[in-house]
Amino acid sequence: MTTGAAPPSTSASPTARQVWTRARGVALAVVLLLAAAVALAVLRSDAHRGELDPRSADPRGSRAVAELLADRGVTTRVVTTLDQARRAVAPDTTLLVTEPDLLTEHQQDRLRSSFAGASGRTVLVAPGGASVERLAPGVTADPATSFDSTLDPGCSLPAARRAGSADTGGVRYTTTHTDADACYPSEGLATLLRIPDTTADGDTVVLGAPDILLNDRLDDEGNASLALQLLGSRPHLVWYLPSLSDASAADPDEQRSFFDLLPSGWLWGTLQLFIAAALAALWRARRLGPLVPESLPVAIRASETVEGRARLYRTANARDRAAAALRSTTRIRLAPLAGVPVAQAHTPEALLPALSAHLHGDGQSLHALLFGPPPGDDTALIALADRLDALESEVRRP
């Protein structure tokens, strides 16, 4: 038994090298985007690590202030949850809230109800518009920040006058409280407000920038003096570092949707990914222009095309379509030989009488052969092909 050689492959699928050549640009762009995202995340995490933390000796930490306060007999206690901060509020305590904007509306309302009327001091560091209106009612934050970092007191508050100029430039505030001390003005708006509590001996201090509390800025201007006076007026200091992991951030009465659980920057991130995908698609898309004839890279024999289509029909068991193709082609070739227009080759009423007259045969057998039902198996399909071939040979015979 001999085995015939396998037919040569006619596949035009690209090789691995061609795929890599086409895709390496997109792969490089994806790698660069991922590297940039990782680097940005690392830089941002490093920038915020230990910021305004009294235990941190980093330039953005606040350990120096805590040490100076300890030398003056002020105890500093660090808390990271809202419940701890609320329990620590007392007349002999200063509550410092380092990042009020991290608190949810529910947390801000609860914190406000704790220190209002408690006769202590509350210091809010650079609260934004929504935060300051809840934590210090009657105070409004200006959308534009101060261009100057170092400002002069410009008020009669003893602590500010003793400290002199300080780095309070940042968020600027206005207030409706007539008895408030508005200090360190920038273009007419205060960057430090002290609002006394009308029902108790306490007060609330709104500070426009955290610079006077940072290790690397403490020895500039009157920053140290101002920080010590604002935080050292009571024997105890509670240093509240709000945390996103605080369980109190969840409001039991609020139904949060899926989008509320996503990070705040997800919309901009999605937009950036969409723009990057659009640019990549535009870069890799076909250029519009007139059609250009292009020769095939290889010459394909007609027999290979026929065999390929036959294999597809056999794989799909499409005997009906194969038989229909054979009959249709035969009718188109027989119609001119029988004197029938090609347009009527598929009309039995026009083709069959002409063939019967030409062959002097039975019209019923011709109808079953040219317009009959599809064969039931492969053997019947082969027999149909042979009969069609024999019919065409008979019609062509002189």
Protein backbone atom coordinates (compact mmCIF):
# COMPACT_ATOMS: atom_id res chain seq x y z
CA MET A 1 0.00 0.00 0.00
CA THR A 2 1.41 3.35 -0.97
CA THR A 3 0.63 6.62 0.62
CA GLY A 4 0.42 9.68 -1.56
CA ALA A 5 2.33 12.80 -0.66
CA ALA A 6 0.40 15.40 1.29
CA PRO A 7 -0.76 18.31 -0.84
CA PRO A 8 1.21 21.53 -0.46
CA SER A 9 -0.24 23.99 2.02
CA THR A 10 -1.94 26.99 0.50
CA SER A 11 -2.70 28.78 3.79
CA ALA A 12 -2.09 32.51 3.76
CA SER A 13 -2.17 32.89 7.57
CA PRO A 14 0.61 35.15 8.93
CA THR A 15 3.65 33.68 10.59
CA ALA A 16 4.63 34.35 14.20
CA ARG A 17 7.25 36.85 13.04
CA GLN A 18 4.71 38.78 10.98
CA VAL A 19 2.27 38.85 13.90
CA TRP A 20 4.98 40.19 16.21
CA THR A 21 6.01 42.83 13.65
CA ARG A 22 2.44 44.08 13.38
CA ALA A 23 1.63 43.97 17.10
CA ARG A 24 4.87 45.18 18.66
CA GLY A 25 3.88 48.84 18.42
CA VAL A 26 0.63 48.27 20.33
CA ALA A 27 2.41 46.02 22.84
CA LEU A 28 5.06 48.69 23.45
CA ALA A 29 2.38 51.35 23.98
CA VAL A 30 0.53 49.12 26.49
CA VAL A 31 3.77 48.42 28.38
CA LEU A 32 4.59 52.14 28.55
CA LEU A 33 1.09 52.97 29.83
CA LEU A 34 1.31 50.30 32.53
CA ALA A 35 4.79 51.46 33.56
CA ALA A 36 3.61 55.07 33.77
CA ALA A 37 0.58 54.06 35.85
CA VAL A 38 2.72 52.05 38.28
CA ALA A 39 5.28 54.85 38.58
CA LEU A 40 2.56 57.43 39.23
CA ALA A 41 0.95 55.21 41.87
CA VAL A 42 4.29 54.71 43.60
CA LEU A 43 5.10 58.42 43.55
CA ARG A 44 1.69 59.38 44.90
CA SER A 45 1.84 56.76 47.62
CA ASP A 46 5.28 58.00 48.66
CA ALA A 47 4.09 61.60 48.63
CA HIS A 48 1.21 60.91 51.03
CA ARG A 49 2.97 58.48 53.33
CA GLY A 50 3.23 60.05 56.75
CA GLU A 51 1.92 63.46 55.68
CA LEU A 52 0.82 65.53 58.71
CA ASP A 53 1.51 62.53 60.93
CA PRO A 54 2.98 63.57 64.31
CA ARG A 55 4.92 60.29 64.41
CA SER A 56 6.65 60.89 61.07
CA ALA A 57 10.04 62.55 60.70
CA ASP A 58 9.67 62.88 56.91
CA PRO A 59 9.69 66.40 55.45
CA ARG A 60 5.90 66.23 55.06
CA GLY A 61 5.41 64.79 58.55
CA SER A 62 4.68 66.72 61.76
CA ARG A 63 6.86 65.08 64.40
CA ALA A 64 8.71 68.35 65.13
CA VAL A 65 5.50 70.09 66.21
CA ALA A 66 4.56 67.17 68.45
CA GLU A 67 8.00 67.22 70.10
CA LEU A 68 7.81 70.96 70.76
CA LEU A 69 4.35 70.60 72.22
CA ALA A 70 5.54 67.76 74.45
CA ASP A 71 8.32 70.03 75.78
CA ARG A 72 5.58 72.45 76.81
CA GLY A 73 3.57 69.78 78.63
CA VAL A 74 0.96 69.17 75.92
CA THR A 75 0.16 65.49 75.37
CA THR A 76 -0.52 64.37 71.81
CA ARG A 77 -2.77 61.43 71.04
CA VAL A 78 -3.18 60.13 67.48
CA VAL A 79 -6.57 58.75 66.42
CA THR A 80 -7.64 57.39 63.04
CA THR A 81 -11.37 56.73 63.46
CA LEU A 82 -14.31 59.02 63.93
CA ASP A 83 -15.50 57.24 67.07
CA GLN A 84 -12.12 57.75 68.75
CA ALA A 85 -12.12 61.44 67.81
CA ARG A 86 -15.64 61.97 69.17
CA ARG A 87 -14.89 60.26 72.46
CA ALA A 88 -11.76 62.38 72.92
CA VAL A 89 -13.58 65.74 72.64
CA ALA A 90 -13.41 67.59 75.98
CA PRO A 91 -13.07 71.17 77.32
CA ASP A 92 -9.34 70.67 78.00
CA THR A 93 -8.65 69.15 74.58
CA THR A 94 -7.73 70.54 71.17
CA LEU A 95 -9.03 68.43 68.28
CA LEU A 96 -6.95 68.73 65.11
CA VAL A 97 -8.58 67.37 61.93
CA THR A 98 -5.81 67.04 59.35
CA GLU A 99 -7.87 66.19 56.24
CA PRO A 100 -11.53 67.15 56.67
CA ASP A 101 -12.24 66.53 52.98
CA LEU A 102 -11.65 62.79 53.46
CA LEU A 103 -14.68 62.58 55.73
CA THR A 104 -18.06 61.76 54.25
CA GLU A 105 -21.06 64.03 54.80
CA HIS A 106 -22.37 61.61 57.42
CA GLN A 107 -19.04 61.68 59.29
CA GLN A 108 -18.78 65.47 59.12
CA ASP A 109 -22.26 65.89 60.61
CA ARG A 110 -21.46 63.50 63.46
CA LEU A 111 -18.11 65.18 64.16
CA ARG A 112 -19.72 68.62 64.19
CA SER A 113 -22.35 67.48 66.69
CA SER A 114 -19.56 66.22 68.98
CA PHE A 115 -17.39 69.32 69.30
CA ALA A 116 -20.14 71.96 69.05
CA GLY A 117 -20.62 73.35 72.53
CA ALA A 118 -17.89 71.16 74.06
CA SER A 119 -15.81 74.18 75.21
CA GLY A 120 -12.72 72.79 73.51
CA ARG A 121 -10.83 73.96 70.44
CA THR A 122 -11.19 72.40 67.00
CA VAL A 123 -8.60 73.10 64.28
CA LEU A 124 -9.57 72.25 60.68
CA VAL A 125 -6.69 72.04 58.20
CA ALA A 126 -7.51 73.34 54.70
CA PRO A 127 -11.14 72.19 54.46
CA GLY A 128 -12.79 72.61 51.07
CA GLY A 129 -16.08 74.28 50.28
CA ALA A 130 -18.41 71.39 51.12
CA SER A 131 -16.46 70.36 54.25
CA VAL A 132 -16.12 73.77 55.85
CA GLU A 133 -19.84 74.54 55.46
CA ARG A 134 -20.72 71.45 57.54
CA LEU A 135 -17.92 71.59 60.09
CA ALA A 136 -17.96 75.37 60.52
CA PRO A 137 -21.40 76.71 59.57
CA GLY A 138 -21.31 80.29 58.39
CA VAL A 139 -17.88 79.88 56.72
CA THR A 140 -17.46 79.69 52.94
CA ALA A 141 -14.36 78.66 51.01
CA ASP A 142 -13.36 80.72 47.99
CA PRO A 143 -12.76 78.65 44.82
CA ALA A 144 -9.50 80.48 44.05
CA THR A 145 -6.54 79.76 46.33
CA SER A 146 -3.99 82.29 47.49
CA PHE A 147 -1.00 82.97 45.24
CA ASP A 148 1.17 84.02 48.18
CA SER A 149 2.40 81.45 50.69
CA THR A 150 3.79 83.84 53.31
CA LEU A 151 1.29 86.36 54.64
CA ASP A 152 1.13 88.98 57.40
CA PRO A 153 -1.34 88.64 60.32
CA GLY A 154 -3.55 91.61 59.49
CA CYS A 155 -5.77 90.99 62.53
CA SER A 156 -5.91 91.52 66.31
CA LEU A 157 -5.75 87.84 67.28
CA PRO A 158 -2.98 87.62 69.93
CA ALA A 159 -1.57 84.34 68.61
CA ALA A 160 -1.25 85.77 65.10
CA ARG A 161 0.27 89.06 66.25
CA ARG A 162 2.89 87.25 68.35
CA ALA A 163 3.77 84.86 65.52
CA GLY A 164 4.00 87.52 62.83
CA SER A 165 4.13 86.49 59.17
CA ALA A 166 3.52 82.77 58.50
CA ASP A 167 2.96 80.34 55.65
CA THR A 168 -0.81 80.19 55.78
CA GLY A 169 -1.46 80.95 52.11
CA GLY A 170 -3.81 78.38 50.56
CA VAL A 171 -7.58 78.15 50.76
CA ARG A 172 -9.24 81.51 51.47
CA TYR A 173 -12.39 81.92 53.52
CA THR A 174 -15.21 84.34 54.21
CA THR A 175 -17.58 84.22 57.17
CA THR A 176 -20.86 85.65 58.33
CA HIS A 177 -19.78 85.59 61.99
CA THR A 178 -19.27 89.19 63.08
CA ASP A 179 -17.16 88.18 66.11
CA ALA A 180 -14.75 85.99 64.12
CA ASP A 181 -11.04 86.78 63.84
CA ALA A 182 -10.07 86.93 60.15
CA CYS A 183 -6.29 86.73 59.89
CA TYR A 184 -3.57 86.49 57.26
CA PRO A 185 -5.61 88.01 54.45
CA SER A 186 -4.82 87.40 50.79
CA GLU A 187 -6.51 89.83 48.40
CA GLY A 188 -9.04 90.68 51.07
CA LEU A 189 -9.94 87.12 52.09
CA ALA A 190 -8.68 85.42 55.23
CA THR A 191 -6.55 82.27 55.22
CA LEU A 192 -7.02 81.75 58.98
CA LEU A 193 -10.33 82.14 60.80
CA ARG A 194 -11.09 81.79 64.49
CA ILE A 195 -14.80 81.45 65.22
CA PRO A 196 -15.71 81.55 68.93
CA ASP A 197 -18.46 79.31 70.23
CA THR A 198 -21.32 81.53 71.42
CA THR A 199 -22.70 78.84 73.75
CA ALA A 200 -19.42 77.80 75.42
CA ASP A 201 -15.81 78.79 75.90
CA GLY A 202 -14.56 76.80 72.91
CA ASP A 203 -13.74 77.94 69.40
CA THR A 204 -13.09 76.62 65.90
CA VAL A 205 -9.97 77.52 63.92
CA VAL A 206 -10.01 77.14 60.13
CA LEU A 207 -6.51 77.02 58.66
CA GLY A 208 -6.07 77.52 54.91
CA ALA A 209 -2.84 75.50 54.49
CA PRO A 210 -0.98 72.77 56.43
CA ASP A 211 2.49 74.33 55.91
CA ILE A 212 2.94 75.59 59.48
CA LEU A 213 2.64 71.98 60.76
CA LEU A 214 5.18 70.37 58.40
CA ASN A 215 8.67 69.41 59.51
CA ASP A 216 10.44 71.12 56.60
CA ARG A 217 8.49 74.38 57.00
CA LEU A 218 8.33 74.69 60.76
CA ASP A 219 11.44 76.89 61.07
CA ASP A 220 10.30 79.34 58.37
CA GLU A 221 8.85 82.73 59.32
CA GLY A 222 6.58 82.50 62.38
CA ASN A 223 5.26 79.02 61.57
CA ALA A 224 6.48 77.35 64.76
CA SER A 225 5.06 80.07 66.99
CA LEU A 226 1.69 80.06 65.29
CA ALA A 227 1.44 76.24 65.33
CA LEU A 228 2.35 76.00 69.02
CA GLN A 229 -0.17 78.67 70.00
CA LEU A 230 -3.01 77.18 67.96
CA LEU A 231 -2.41 73.60 69.15
CA GLY A 232 -1.09 74.28 72.65
CA SER A 233 -3.91 76.28 74.15
CA ARG A 234 -5.19 73.15 75.96
CA PRO A 235 -3.17 70.53 77.86
CA HIS A 236 -4.31 67.72 75.57
CA LEU A 237 -4.15 67.48 71.79
CA VAL A 238 -6.06 64.85 69.79
CA TRP A 239 -4.48 64.51 66.34
CA TYR A 240 -7.16 63.07 64.06
CA LEU A 241 -5.86 61.42 60.85
CA PRO A 242 -8.99 60.48 58.86
CA SER A 243 -8.77 57.10 57.18
CA LEU A 244 -10.64 55.72 54.19
CA SER A 245 -10.88 52.38 55.97
CA ASP A 246 -12.92 53.85 58.82
CA ALA A 247 -16.12 51.80 59.19
CA SER A 248 -18.06 54.93 60.18
CA ALA A 249 -17.79 56.19 56.60
CA ALA A 250 -20.79 54.01 55.70
CA ASP A 251 -24.10 55.70 56.28
CA PRO A 252 -26.66 53.05 57.36
CA ASP A 253 -29.51 55.16 55.96
CA GLU A 254 -27.86 55.71 52.59
CA GLN A 255 -28.22 53.29 49.69
CA ARG A 256 -24.94 53.36 47.79
CA SER A 257 -24.82 52.33 44.14
CA PHE A 258 -22.03 50.50 42.37
CA PHE A 259 -20.61 53.77 41.01
CA ASP A 260 -20.40 55.21 44.53
CA LEU A 261 -18.00 52.43 45.47
CA LEU A 262 -15.59 53.23 42.62
CA PRO A 263 -12.61 55.52 43.27
CA SER A 264 -13.14 59.21 42.61
CA GLY A 265 -10.87 59.24 39.55
CA TRP A 266 -12.43 56.29 37.73
CA LEU A 267 -14.28 58.52 35.25
CA TRP A 268 -11.11 60.33 34.16
CA GLY A 269 -9.23 57.04 34.00
CA THR A 270 -11.90 55.51 31.77
CA LEU A 271 -11.85 58.58 29.54
CA GLN A 272 -8.07 58.35 29.19
CA LEU A 273 -8.29 54.67 28.26
CA PHE A 274 -10.99 55.45 25.70
CA ILE A 275 -8.85 58.19 24.11
CA ALA A 276 -5.82 55.87 24.07
CA ALA A 277 -7.85 53.10 22.40
CA ALA A 278 -9.23 55.55 19.82
CA LEU A 279 -5.73 56.81 19.01
CA ALA A 280 -4.42 53.25 18.70
CA ALA A 281 -7.31 52.34 16.39
CA LEU A 282 -6.69 55.44 14.29
CA TRP A 283 -2.99 54.63 14.13
CA ARG A 284 -3.52 51.00 13.07
CA ALA A 285 -6.56 51.56 10.82
CA ARG A 286 -6.39 51.31 7.05
CA ARG A 287 -5.82 54.58 5.27
CA LEU A 288 -8.72 55.67 3.07
CA GLY A 289 -7.98 56.14 -0.61
CA PRO A 290 -8.58 54.70 -4.11
CA LEU A 291 -8.45 50.96 -4.65
CA VAL A 292 -5.05 49.73 -5.72
CA PRO A 293 -4.75 46.44 -7.62
CA GLU A 294 -2.46 44.03 -5.86
CA SER A 295 -1.18 40.77 -7.25
CA LEU A 296 -1.58 37.66 -5.14
CA PRO A 297 1.58 36.46 -3.43
CA VAL A 298 1.07 32.95 -4.85
CA ALA A 299 -0.79 31.44 -7.82
CA ILE A 300 -3.65 29.18 -6.74
CA ARG A 301 -4.84 26.51 -9.19
CA ALA A 302 -8.54 26.28 -9.84
CA SER A 303 -8.55 22.63 -8.79
CA GLU A 304 -7.27 23.60 -5.33
CA THR A 305 -10.14 26.07 -4.91
CA VAL A 306 -12.66 23.39 -5.94
CA GLU A 307 -11.13 20.86 -3.57
CA GLY A 308 -11.08 23.35 -0.74
CA ARG A 309 -14.75 24.19 -1.17
CA ALA A 310 -15.61 20.51 -1.43
CA ARG A 311 -13.84 19.83 1.85
CA LEU A 312 -15.81 22.63 3.51
CA TYR A 313 -19.09 21.17 2.22
CA ARG A 314 -18.09 17.72 3.46
CA THR A 315 -17.08 19.01 6.90
CA ALA A 316 -20.46 20.74 7.29
CA ASN A 317 -22.42 17.84 5.72
CA ALA A 318 -23.84 20.40 3.28
CA ARG A 319 -24.92 17.93 0.59
CA ASP A 320 -27.94 20.08 -0.21
CA ARG A 321 -25.80 23.12 -1.02
CA ALA A 322 -23.29 21.03 -2.97
CA ALA A 323 -26.07 19.44 -5.04
CA ALA A 324 -27.69 22.84 -5.63
CA ALA A 325 -24.37 24.24 -6.86
CA LEU A 326 -23.84 21.28 -9.24
CA ARG A 327 -27.38 21.50 -10.67
CA SER A 328 -27.28 25.29 -11.03
CA THR A 329 -23.98 25.22 -12.93
CA THR A 330 -25.20 22.40 -15.18
CA ARG A 331 -28.44 24.24 -16.02
CA ILE A 332 -26.49 27.39 -16.90
CA ARG A 333 -24.26 25.41 -19.31
CA LEU A 334 -27.15 23.42 -20.84
CA ALA A 335 -29.49 26.35 -21.49
CA PRO A 336 -27.56 27.86 -24.46
CA LEU A 337 -27.10 24.39 -25.97
CA ALA A 338 -30.87 23.81 -25.90
CA GLY A 339 -31.68 27.28 -27.26
CA VAL A 340 -32.94 28.70 -23.95
CA PRO A 341 -31.79 32.11 -22.67
CA VAL A 342 -29.48 31.90 -19.63
CA ALA A 343 -31.93 34.08 -17.69
CA GLN A 344 -34.50 31.24 -17.95
CA ALA A 345 -32.06 28.41 -17.18
CA HIS A 346 -33.52 27.92 -13.71
CA THR A 347 -37.15 27.86 -14.88
CA PRO A 348 -38.36 24.26 -15.38
CA GLU A 349 -41.17 25.32 -17.75
CA ALA A 350 -38.63 26.80 -20.17
CA LEU A 351 -35.61 24.49 -19.85
CA LEU A 352 -37.15 21.01 -19.59
CA PRO A 353 -39.27 21.04 -22.80
CA ALA A 354 -36.28 22.26 -24.81
CA LEU A 355 -34.02 19.54 -23.43
CA SER A 356 -36.68 16.83 -23.97
CA ALA A 357 -37.07 17.88 -27.60
CA HIS A 358 -33.30 17.92 -28.07
CA LEU A 359 -32.75 14.50 -26.45
CA HIS A 360 -36.10 12.88 -27.24
CA GLY A 361 -36.18 11.79 -23.60
CA ASP A 362 -38.50 11.68 -20.61
CA GLY A 363 -39.23 15.06 -19.07
CA GLN A 364 -39.92 13.53 -15.66
CA SER A 365 -36.45 12.03 -15.35
CA LEU A 366 -34.89 15.32 -16.45
CA HIS A 367 -36.92 17.21 -13.84
CA ALA A 368 -35.76 14.84 -11.08
CA LEU A 369 -32.18 15.17 -12.25
CA LEU A 370 -32.01 18.97 -12.64
CA PHE A 371 -34.62 20.15 -10.09
CA GLY A 372 -35.05 17.17 -7.74
CA PRO A 373 -34.56 16.93 -3.97
CA PRO A 374 -31.08 16.92 -2.42
CA PRO A 375 -29.30 13.55 -2.13
CA GLY A 376 -29.51 11.69 1.16
CA ASP A 377 -25.88 10.62 1.47
CA ASP A 378 -22.45 11.06 -0.10
CA THR A 379 -22.94 8.09 -2.46
CA ALA A 380 -26.09 9.64 -3.87
CA LEU A 381 -24.28 12.99 -4.27
CA ILE A 382 -21.50 11.33 -6.28
CA ALA A 383 -24.07 9.51 -8.43
CA LEU A 384 -25.84 12.85 -9.04
CA ALA A 385 -22.59 14.46 -10.19
CA ASP A 386 -21.93 11.56 -12.60
CA ARG A 387 -25.46 11.74 -14.07
CA LEU A 388 -25.21 15.52 -14.56
CA ASP A 389 -21.86 15.07 -16.29
CA ALA A 390 -23.32 12.36 -18.54
CA LEU A 391 -26.34 14.56 -19.40
CA GLU A 392 -24.12 17.46 -20.40
CA SER A 393 -21.96 15.16 -22.57
CA GLU A 394 -25.06 13.78 -24.29
CA VAL A 395 -26.41 17.26 -25.03
CA ARG A 396 -23.07 18.36 -26.48
CA ARG A 397 -22.80 15.25 -28.69
CA PRO A 398 -23.50 16.20 -32.37
